[in-house]
Amino acid sequence: MKPRVLGMILAGGQGSRLAPLTQKRSKPAVPFGSKYRIIDFAINNFMNSGMFSIYVLTQYKAQSLTEHIQRGWRFGTFLSDYFITLVPAQMYRLEELGPVWYRGTADAVYQNMHLIDNYDADYVAIFSGDHIYKMNVEHMLQTHIDSRADITIAAYPMPQSQAHQFGVMHVDERWKVTDFLEKPKNPPSIPGQEGVSLTSMGNYIFSRKALDELLETSMSGGEEGFDFGSDVIPRALSDGYNVMAYDFHRNPIPGQAGPNLYWRDVGTLDAYFEANMDLVTVNPEFDIYNPEWPLRTSSEFSPPAKFVHESDGRKGQAFNSIMAGGTIISGGTVRDSVLGRNVRLHSYSVVESCVLFDDVEVGRHARLNRVIVDKNVVIPPGTVIGLNKEDDLARGFTVTDSGVVVVSKGYTF
């Protein structure tokens, strides 16, 4: 019999380092790549892998994410095992503490063990909802089964200088995990690969029995035991469970030649900006145009994008850019940029290396360079953003270390 696999996406992230983009929405709900939201990539990974039983666990400022899932991710009602269901935090009651929200990643799953019981899952795939990547989860599951693992952790080699932000693993020649360090100050390198550490992607496959046992043991620890990386994985190793690492670079994507190399944790504004810019290069590292690995999102019934005016000095034009439906480039110029739905660029405006969310309007002769503009912002004619840091800070914009300027949602000039 085909094993019963339940997907659980952890989508409650606050995303404080992405502020102000997360001022009114959770990190997984942040728009990305013109028409998507960050959560879409985790959902597509499950669906393209033939896994259609998915719970999305939410907590922080979830209204935007809730509306996106309800509007765009639905199955019919005839097949009970085909669902994408939102699971908000519901103030779980503990005798000693009273009602509590999710206290960590493991606690979020523990508080919803009844869903796993009701589904009668053989395996539970617990994935993060706030990264940009493609992953054939079916291949990881088969590797988990073949190795007789209790837990399999998706692993990604990363420069040692960045690895302190993640869980770091030691593995033997069979990729069996021998040690796991959560966000170490001085992450160890992979033996024989100086300057590179093997990090956890925050994606796990658990065999059902191991998940039940480990969560019951961890949650009985009082003030500790609430996170997979900090608590559950180290406990599993100390208790002798078979914990395996899965080499993400071996993950096969249909229609994609070569190894699967692209994974981005868009946890900071600079990382988020650069991941968007990755989409507009001539040969992008992350290909969103693979018909064998479709990237779905909520349907918006907007008209096609439009370019108008063709006269000297006044041409609607775009170069090395992507844009969603309803956008009109009216005599303006766009270069190396990502534009959302229903964006308006008026005559003689110039937008270069920018990310514009839905319903942004750029006035005549305005000029934007390396700017992220959140939804529903009207930029007045002649405005210049991204070329003078002092002016940008004086307006109250956020400016990152690399010089990316962020205009918050609904900002009024």
Protein backbone atom coordinates (compact mmCIF):
# COMPACT_ATOMS: atom_id res chain seq x y z
CA MET A 1 0.00 0.00 0.00
CA LYS A 2 1.14 3.53 -0.70
CA PRO A 3 2.22 5.18 2.56
CA ARG A 4 0.05 7.91 3.98
CA VAL A 5 2.05 11.14 4.06
CA LEU A 6 0.79 14.29 5.74
CA GLY A 7 2.35 17.66 4.96
CA MET A 8 2.57 20.35 7.64
CA ILE A 9 3.86 23.79 6.68
CA LEU A 10 5.07 26.02 9.51
CA ALA A 11 3.84 29.46 8.44
CA GLY A 12 3.64 31.39 11.68
CA GLY A 13 6.89 33.29 11.28
CA GLN A 14 6.95 36.87 12.50
CA GLY A 15 9.77 37.86 10.15
CA SER A 16 10.95 40.80 12.24
CA ARG A 17 14.09 41.25 10.12
CA LEU A 18 11.86 41.85 7.08
CA ALA A 19 10.13 44.84 8.68
CA PRO A 20 8.47 47.01 7.46
CA LEU A 21 7.26 44.41 4.91
CA THR A 22 6.04 42.31 7.86
CA GLN A 23 4.46 45.21 9.72
CA LYS A 24 0.97 44.01 8.76
CA ARG A 25 1.59 40.47 7.51
CA SER A 26 3.56 37.36 8.43
CA LYS A 27 6.78 36.49 6.61
CA PRO A 28 5.22 33.66 4.53
CA ALA A 29 2.58 36.13 3.28
CA VAL A 30 5.10 38.65 1.90
CA PRO A 31 4.72 39.03 -1.90
CA PHE A 32 7.57 37.70 -4.00
CA GLY A 33 8.44 37.47 -7.67
CA SER A 34 5.70 39.70 -9.10
CA LYS A 35 2.65 37.50 -8.51
CA TYR A 36 3.53 35.01 -5.77
CA ARG A 37 3.81 35.00 -2.01
CA ILE A 38 6.61 33.28 -0.17
CA ILE A 39 4.29 30.52 1.12
CA ASP A 40 3.48 29.48 -2.47
CA PHE A 41 6.84 27.79 -2.97
CA ALA A 42 6.39 25.35 -0.09
CA ILE A 43 2.85 24.51 -1.22
CA ASN A 44 3.97 24.00 -4.82
CA ASN A 45 6.74 21.69 -3.65
CA PHE A 46 4.20 19.42 -1.98
CA MET A 47 1.72 19.53 -4.84
CA ASN A 48 4.30 18.95 -7.58
CA SER A 49 5.53 15.97 -5.52
CA GLY A 50 2.06 14.40 -5.53
CA MET A 51 1.32 15.24 -1.89
CA PHE A 52 -2.11 16.81 -1.54
CA SER A 53 -2.86 16.54 2.18
CA ILE A 54 -1.49 19.72 3.69
CA TYR A 55 -2.03 21.66 6.89
CA VAL A 56 -0.69 25.23 7.06
CA LEU A 57 0.02 26.26 10.67
CA THR A 58 -0.33 30.02 11.20
CA GLN A 59 0.09 32.38 14.13
CA TYR A 60 1.54 35.87 13.59
CA LYS A 61 -0.60 38.47 11.74
CA ALA A 62 -2.17 35.76 9.62
CA GLN A 63 -5.09 37.58 7.98
CA SER A 64 -3.29 38.32 4.71
CA LEU A 65 -1.98 34.76 4.53
CA THR A 66 -5.41 33.35 5.39
CA GLU A 67 -7.10 35.28 2.59
CA HIS A 68 -4.41 34.21 0.11
CA ILE A 69 -4.79 30.50 0.95
CA GLN A 70 -8.58 30.61 0.97
CA ARG A 71 -8.75 32.51 -2.31
CA GLY A 72 -6.14 30.65 -4.28
CA TRP A 73 -5.52 27.19 -2.88
CA ARG A 74 -8.59 25.00 -2.99
CA PHE A 75 -9.40 21.45 -4.01
CA GLY A 76 -12.83 20.02 -4.67
CA THR A 77 -14.86 18.48 -1.87
CA PHE A 78 -15.14 14.95 -3.24
CA LEU A 79 -11.73 13.58 -2.23
CA SER A 80 -11.24 13.71 1.53
CA ASP A 81 -7.46 13.31 1.31
CA TYR A 82 -7.03 16.34 -0.98
CA PHE A 83 -6.95 19.48 1.15
CA ILE A 84 -4.97 22.57 2.04
CA THR A 85 -6.29 23.60 5.43
CA LEU A 86 -5.30 26.53 7.61
CA VAL A 87 -4.63 25.77 11.27
CA PRO A 88 -4.41 28.95 13.38
CA ALA A 89 -2.94 28.89 16.86
CA GLN A 90 -5.84 28.21 19.24
CA MET A 91 -4.51 28.90 22.72
CA TYR A 92 -3.75 25.33 23.78
CA ARG A 93 -4.51 24.85 27.49
CA LEU A 94 -1.88 23.45 29.82
CA GLU A 95 -2.80 22.72 33.42
CA GLU A 96 0.30 24.38 34.83
CA LEU A 97 0.34 27.41 32.50
CA GLY A 98 -3.20 27.89 31.28
CA PRO A 99 -3.74 28.88 27.61
CA VAL A 100 -0.57 29.24 25.50
CA TRP A 101 0.19 30.11 21.88
CA TYR A 102 2.64 28.06 19.83
CA ARG A 103 5.89 28.23 21.81
CA GLY A 104 8.10 26.94 19.01
CA THR A 105 8.16 24.82 15.88
CA ALA A 106 7.85 21.49 17.69
CA ASP A 107 5.14 22.82 19.98
CA ALA A 108 3.12 23.95 16.96
CA VAL A 109 3.06 20.37 15.70
CA TYR A 110 2.50 18.94 19.19
CA GLN A 111 -0.57 21.11 19.72
CA ASN A 112 -2.02 19.65 16.52
CA MET A 113 -1.21 15.97 16.99
CA HIS A 114 -4.91 15.21 16.75
CA LEU A 115 -4.76 16.19 13.06
CA ILE A 116 -1.99 13.64 12.49
CA ASP A 117 -4.00 11.03 14.39
CA ASN A 118 -7.16 11.78 12.40
CA TYR A 119 -5.28 11.46 9.12
CA ASP A 120 -3.60 8.25 10.32
CA ALA A 121 -0.28 9.32 8.80
CA ASP A 122 2.61 6.93 8.34
CA TYR A 123 5.01 9.82 7.71
CA VAL A 124 4.80 13.54 8.43
CA ALA A 125 6.67 16.04 6.26
CA ILE A 126 7.19 19.19 8.33
CA PHE A 127 8.45 22.04 6.16
CA SER A 128 9.18 25.70 6.65
CA GLY A 129 6.89 28.11 4.82
CA ASP A 130 9.31 31.00 4.34
CA HIS A 131 12.03 29.95 1.89
CA ILE A 132 12.40 30.25 -1.89
CA TYR A 133 13.29 26.97 -3.61
CA LYS A 134 12.03 23.94 -5.51
CA MET A 135 12.09 20.52 -3.94
CA ASN A 136 10.85 17.12 -5.01
CA VAL A 137 9.57 15.96 -1.62
CA GLU A 138 8.74 12.50 -2.99
CA HIS A 139 12.43 11.85 -3.61
CA MET A 140 13.33 12.91 -0.06
CA LEU A 141 10.56 10.65 1.30
CA GLN A 142 11.81 7.65 -0.66
CA THR A 143 15.34 8.26 0.63
CA HIS A 144 13.90 8.41 4.16
CA ILE A 145 12.12 5.09 3.67
CA ASP A 146 15.09 3.35 2.02
CA SER A 147 17.44 4.38 4.85
CA ARG A 148 14.95 3.27 7.52
CA ALA A 149 15.32 6.68 9.12
CA ASP A 150 13.31 7.94 12.05
CA ILE A 151 14.01 11.53 10.98
CA THR A 152 15.41 12.92 7.74
CA ILE A 153 16.65 16.52 7.61
CA ALA A 154 17.06 18.37 4.32
CA ALA A 155 20.66 19.63 4.20
CA TYR A 156 22.25 22.50 2.31
CA PRO A 157 25.98 23.36 2.18
CA MET A 158 26.51 27.01 3.03
CA PRO A 159 29.46 29.36 3.50
CA GLN A 160 30.71 28.99 7.07
CA SER A 161 30.40 32.75 7.58
CA GLN A 162 26.60 32.51 7.18
CA ALA A 163 25.95 29.17 8.84
CA HIS A 164 25.57 30.60 12.36
CA GLN A 165 22.00 31.55 11.42
CA PHE A 166 20.99 27.90 10.95
CA GLY A 167 21.25 24.45 12.45
CA VAL A 168 24.57 22.83 11.51
CA MET A 169 25.13 19.08 11.15
CA HIS A 170 27.97 16.59 11.22
CA VAL A 171 27.34 13.51 9.10
CA ASP A 172 29.24 10.30 8.39
CA GLU A 173 29.94 8.79 4.96
CA ARG A 174 26.34 7.46 4.76
CA TRP A 175 24.90 10.91 5.60
CA LYS A 176 23.83 9.70 9.03
CA VAL A 177 23.73 12.69 11.37
CA THR A 178 26.22 12.35 14.21
CA ASP A 179 25.85 15.82 15.74
CA PHE A 180 23.48 18.76 15.42
CA LEU A 181 24.21 22.30 16.63
CA GLU A 182 21.48 24.92 16.52
CA LYS A 183 22.79 28.33 15.39
CA PRO A 184 26.34 27.88 16.75
CA LYS A 185 28.49 30.99 17.13
CA ASN A 186 31.41 29.21 15.47
CA PRO A 187 29.89 26.69 13.03
CA PRO A 188 32.11 23.75 12.12
CA SER A 189 33.05 23.15 8.51
CA ILE A 190 32.42 20.01 6.48
CA PRO A 191 35.49 17.75 6.74
CA GLY A 192 37.57 18.29 3.61
CA GLN A 193 35.59 21.42 2.64
CA GLU A 194 37.13 24.27 4.56
CA GLY A 195 34.85 27.30 4.81
CA VAL A 196 31.64 25.35 4.11
CA SER A 197 29.14 24.08 6.69
CA LEU A 198 26.28 21.62 6.25
CA THR A 199 23.14 23.40 7.41
CA SER A 200 19.56 22.38 8.05
CA MET A 201 16.94 23.80 5.68
CA GLY A 202 14.28 23.47 8.39
CA ASN A 203 12.53 20.70 6.41
CA TYR A 204 11.98 17.36 8.14
CA ILE A 205 10.38 14.02 7.42
CA PHE A 206 9.42 12.05 10.54
CA SER A 207 8.30 8.48 10.78
CA ARG A 208 5.09 8.58 12.77
CA LYS A 209 6.20 6.52 15.76
CA ALA A 210 9.37 8.58 16.25
CA LEU A 211 7.45 11.85 16.03
CA ASP A 212 4.93 10.72 18.64
CA GLU A 213 7.61 9.55 21.04
CA LEU A 214 9.92 12.53 20.66
CA LEU A 215 7.22 15.17 21.00
CA GLU A 216 5.73 13.52 24.08
CA THR A 217 9.17 13.38 25.68
CA SER A 218 10.22 16.90 24.65
CA MET A 219 6.99 18.61 25.66
CA SER A 220 7.18 17.13 29.15
CA GLY A 221 10.37 19.10 29.80
CA GLY A 222 8.61 22.17 31.21
CA GLU A 223 10.44 25.28 30.07
CA GLU A 224 12.33 23.60 27.20
CA GLY A 225 11.71 21.26 24.30
CA PHE A 226 9.63 23.48 22.05
CA ASP A 227 11.76 23.66 18.89
CA PHE A 228 12.90 20.99 16.47
CA GLY A 229 16.36 22.45 15.95
CA SER A 230 17.14 23.40 19.54
CA ASP A 231 15.51 20.50 21.31
CA VAL A 232 13.90 17.63 19.39
CA ILE A 233 16.72 16.82 16.95
CA PRO A 234 19.50 16.86 19.61
CA ARG A 235 17.29 14.72 21.87
CA ALA A 236 16.70 12.24 19.05
CA LEU A 237 20.44 11.88 18.55
CA SER A 238 21.14 11.40 22.25
CA ASP A 239 18.34 8.83 22.52
CA GLY A 240 19.67 6.76 19.63
CA TYR A 241 17.12 7.50 16.91
CA ASN A 242 18.26 7.06 13.30
CA VAL A 243 18.62 10.64 12.04
CA MET A 244 19.68 11.05 8.41
CA ALA A 245 20.61 14.10 6.36
CA TYR A 246 19.24 14.48 2.84
CA ASP A 247 21.53 16.07 0.25
CA PHE A 248 19.42 18.81 -1.35
CA HIS A 249 21.80 19.00 -4.29
CA ARG A 250 20.75 15.45 -5.24
CA ASN A 251 17.10 16.42 -5.40
CA PRO A 252 15.79 15.90 -8.96
CA ILE A 253 13.41 18.46 -10.45
CA PRO A 254 11.55 17.35 -13.60
CA GLY A 255 12.41 19.55 -16.56
CA GLN A 256 15.51 20.95 -14.86
CA ALA A 257 19.00 19.96 -15.97
CA GLY A 258 21.85 19.73 -13.49
CA PRO A 259 21.82 19.62 -9.68
CA ASN A 260 19.25 21.42 -7.58
CA LEU A 261 21.30 24.27 -6.11
CA TYR A 262 18.95 27.17 -5.42
CA TRP A 263 17.61 27.72 -1.90
CA ARG A 264 17.25 31.12 -0.28
CA ASP A 265 16.22 32.06 3.23
CA VAL A 266 14.80 35.51 2.50
CA GLY A 267 14.93 36.47 6.15
CA THR A 268 16.45 39.93 5.70
CA LEU A 269 15.53 42.81 3.43
CA ASP A 270 18.81 42.52 1.54
CA ALA A 271 18.37 38.75 1.05
CA TYR A 272 14.77 39.28 -0.05
CA PHE A 273 15.79 41.96 -2.53
CA GLU A 274 18.60 39.88 -4.01
CA ALA A 275 16.33 36.84 -4.41
CA ASN A 276 13.89 38.96 -6.41
CA MET A 277 16.75 40.27 -8.54
CA ASP A 278 17.79 36.64 -9.20
CA LEU A 279 14.59 36.25 -11.23
CA VAL A 280 15.32 38.94 -13.82
CA THR A 281 18.78 37.95 -15.05
CA VAL A 282 19.04 36.63 -18.61
CA ASN A 283 19.77 33.13 -17.30
CA PRO A 284 18.21 33.14 -13.83
CA GLU A 285 19.50 30.85 -11.13
CA PHE A 286 15.89 30.20 -10.14
CA ASP A 287 13.75 29.36 -13.16
CA ILE A 288 10.04 30.07 -12.74
CA TYR A 289 9.27 29.10 -16.35
CA ASN A 290 9.64 25.31 -16.10
CA PRO A 291 6.37 23.78 -17.41
CA GLU A 292 7.18 20.45 -15.76
CA TRP A 293 7.31 22.15 -12.35
CA PRO A 294 4.49 24.71 -12.48
CA LEU A 295 4.39 27.40 -9.82
CA ARG A 296 0.78 28.07 -8.91
CA THR A 297 -0.63 30.92 -6.89
CA SER A 298 -3.97 32.60 -6.26
CA SER A 299 -5.81 33.59 -9.42
CA GLU A 300 -6.28 37.30 -9.97
CA PHE A 301 -8.57 38.19 -12.85
CA SER A 302 -6.52 41.13 -14.01
CA PRO A 303 -6.01 42.19 -17.63
CA PRO A 304 -2.68 41.67 -19.43
CA ALA A 305 0.25 43.99 -18.85
CA LYS A 306 0.38 46.88 -21.30
CA PHE A 307 3.04 49.21 -22.77
CA VAL A 308 1.93 52.46 -24.35
CA HIS A 309 3.47 55.45 -26.18
CA GLU A 310 6.21 55.30 -28.76
CA SER A 311 7.62 58.71 -29.49
CA ASP A 312 10.99 60.35 -29.01
CA GLY A 313 11.82 60.43 -25.32
CA ARG A 314 8.48 58.93 -24.34
CA LYS A 315 8.34 55.18 -24.73
CA GLY A 316 6.74 52.58 -22.55
CA GLN A 317 9.50 50.01 -22.27
CA ALA A 318 10.97 47.36 -19.98
CA PHE A 319 14.29 45.51 -19.99
CA ASN A 320 15.27 42.39 -18.01
CA SER A 321 12.13 42.66 -15.91
CA ILE A 322 9.03 40.68 -14.97
CA MET A 323 5.58 42.03 -14.23
CA ALA A 324 2.13 40.73 -13.38
CA GLY A 325 -1.22 41.37 -15.01
CA GLY A 326 -2.90 44.75 -15.02
CA THR A 327 0.36 46.68 -15.04
CA ILE A 328 0.61 49.60 -17.47
CA ILE A 329 3.95 51.14 -18.48
CA SER A 330 2.77 54.44 -19.89
CA GLY A 331 5.78 56.19 -21.38
CA GLY A 332 8.07 55.11 -18.54
CA THR A 333 11.14 52.87 -18.43
CA VAL A 334 11.70 49.76 -16.32
CA ARG A 335 15.06 48.00 -15.97
CA ASP A 336 16.04 44.93 -13.96
CA SER A 337 12.89 45.08 -11.86
CA VAL A 338 10.01 43.01 -10.49
CA LEU A 339 6.55 44.58 -10.72
CA GLY A 340 3.35 43.28 -9.14
CA ARG A 341 -0.23 43.56 -10.29
CA ASN A 342 -1.88 46.80 -11.42
CA VAL A 343 1.27 48.91 -11.22
CA ARG A 344 1.20 52.24 -13.12
CA LEU A 345 4.29 53.99 -14.46
CA HIS A 346 3.62 57.41 -15.94
CA SER A 347 5.57 59.16 -18.67
CA TYR A 348 9.30 59.83 -18.29
CA SER A 349 9.51 57.87 -15.02
CA VAL A 350 12.46 55.50 -14.57
CA VAL A 351 12.43 52.42 -12.33
CA GLU A 352 15.74 50.53 -12.03
CA SER A 353 16.51 47.46 -9.92
CA CYS A 354 13.28 47.78 -7.95
CA VAL A 355 10.56 45.58 -6.49
CA LEU A 356 7.11 47.18 -6.70
CA PHE A 357 4.17 45.45 -5.01
CA ASP A 358 0.56 45.52 -6.23
CA ASP A 359 -1.23 48.81 -6.92
CA VAL A 360 1.81 51.07 -6.85
CA GLU A 361 1.67 54.23 -8.97
CA VAL A 362 4.81 56.06 -10.09
CA GLY A 363 4.30 59.65 -11.21
CA ARG A 364 5.82 61.50 -14.17
CA HIS A 365 9.58 62.13 -14.09
CA ALA A 366 9.91 60.10 -10.87
CA ARG A 367 13.08 58.05 -10.51
CA LEU A 368 13.55 54.95 -8.34
CA ASN A 369 16.76 52.97 -7.90
CA ARG A 370 17.10 49.85 -5.68
CA VAL A 371 13.77 50.44 -3.97
CA ILE A 372 11.15 48.05 -2.57
CA VAL A 373 7.72 49.71 -2.59
CA ASP A 374 4.94 47.97 -0.67
CA LYS A 375 1.28 47.96 -1.77
CA ASN A 376 -0.95 50.96 -2.38
CA VAL A 377 1.73 53.65 -2.56
CA VAL A 378 1.37 56.63 -4.90
CA ILE A 379 4.74 58.19 -5.71
CA PRO A 380 4.27 61.85 -6.72
CA PRO A 381 5.65 63.27 -9.97
CA GLY A 382 9.33 64.17 -9.84
CA THR A 383 10.08 62.12 -6.70
CA VAL A 384 13.56 60.61 -6.45
CA ILE A 385 14.12 57.57 -4.19
CA GLY A 386 17.24 55.47 -3.78
CA LEU A 387 19.81 58.02 -4.94
CA ASN A 388 20.29 60.08 -1.78
CA LYS A 389 20.40 58.22 1.54
CA GLU A 390 19.92 61.31 3.69
CA ASP A 391 16.78 62.31 1.82
CA ASP A 392 15.40 58.78 2.07
CA LEU A 393 16.01 58.59 5.82
CA ALA A 394 14.48 62.03 6.29
CA ARG A 395 11.26 60.75 4.70
CA GLY A 396 11.17 57.90 7.20
CA PHE A 397 12.08 55.14 4.76
CA THR A 398 14.01 52.07 5.86
CA VAL A 399 17.48 51.87 4.27
CA THR A 400 19.47 48.63 4.51
CA ASP A 401 23.23 48.24 4.91
CA SER A 402 23.55 47.61 1.16
CA GLY A 403 21.52 50.71 0.30
CA VAL A 404 18.15 49.13 -0.54
CA VAL A 405 15.33 51.54 0.33
CA VAL A 406 11.95 50.26 1.56
CA VAL A 407 8.75 52.32 1.29
CA SER A 408 6.15 50.84 3.63
CA LYS A 409 2.59 49.88 2.73
CA GLY A 410 0.27 52.81 2.14
CA TYR A 411 2.99 55.44 2.75
CA THR A 412 1.73 58.94 2.09
CA PHE A 413 4.05 61.60 0.68
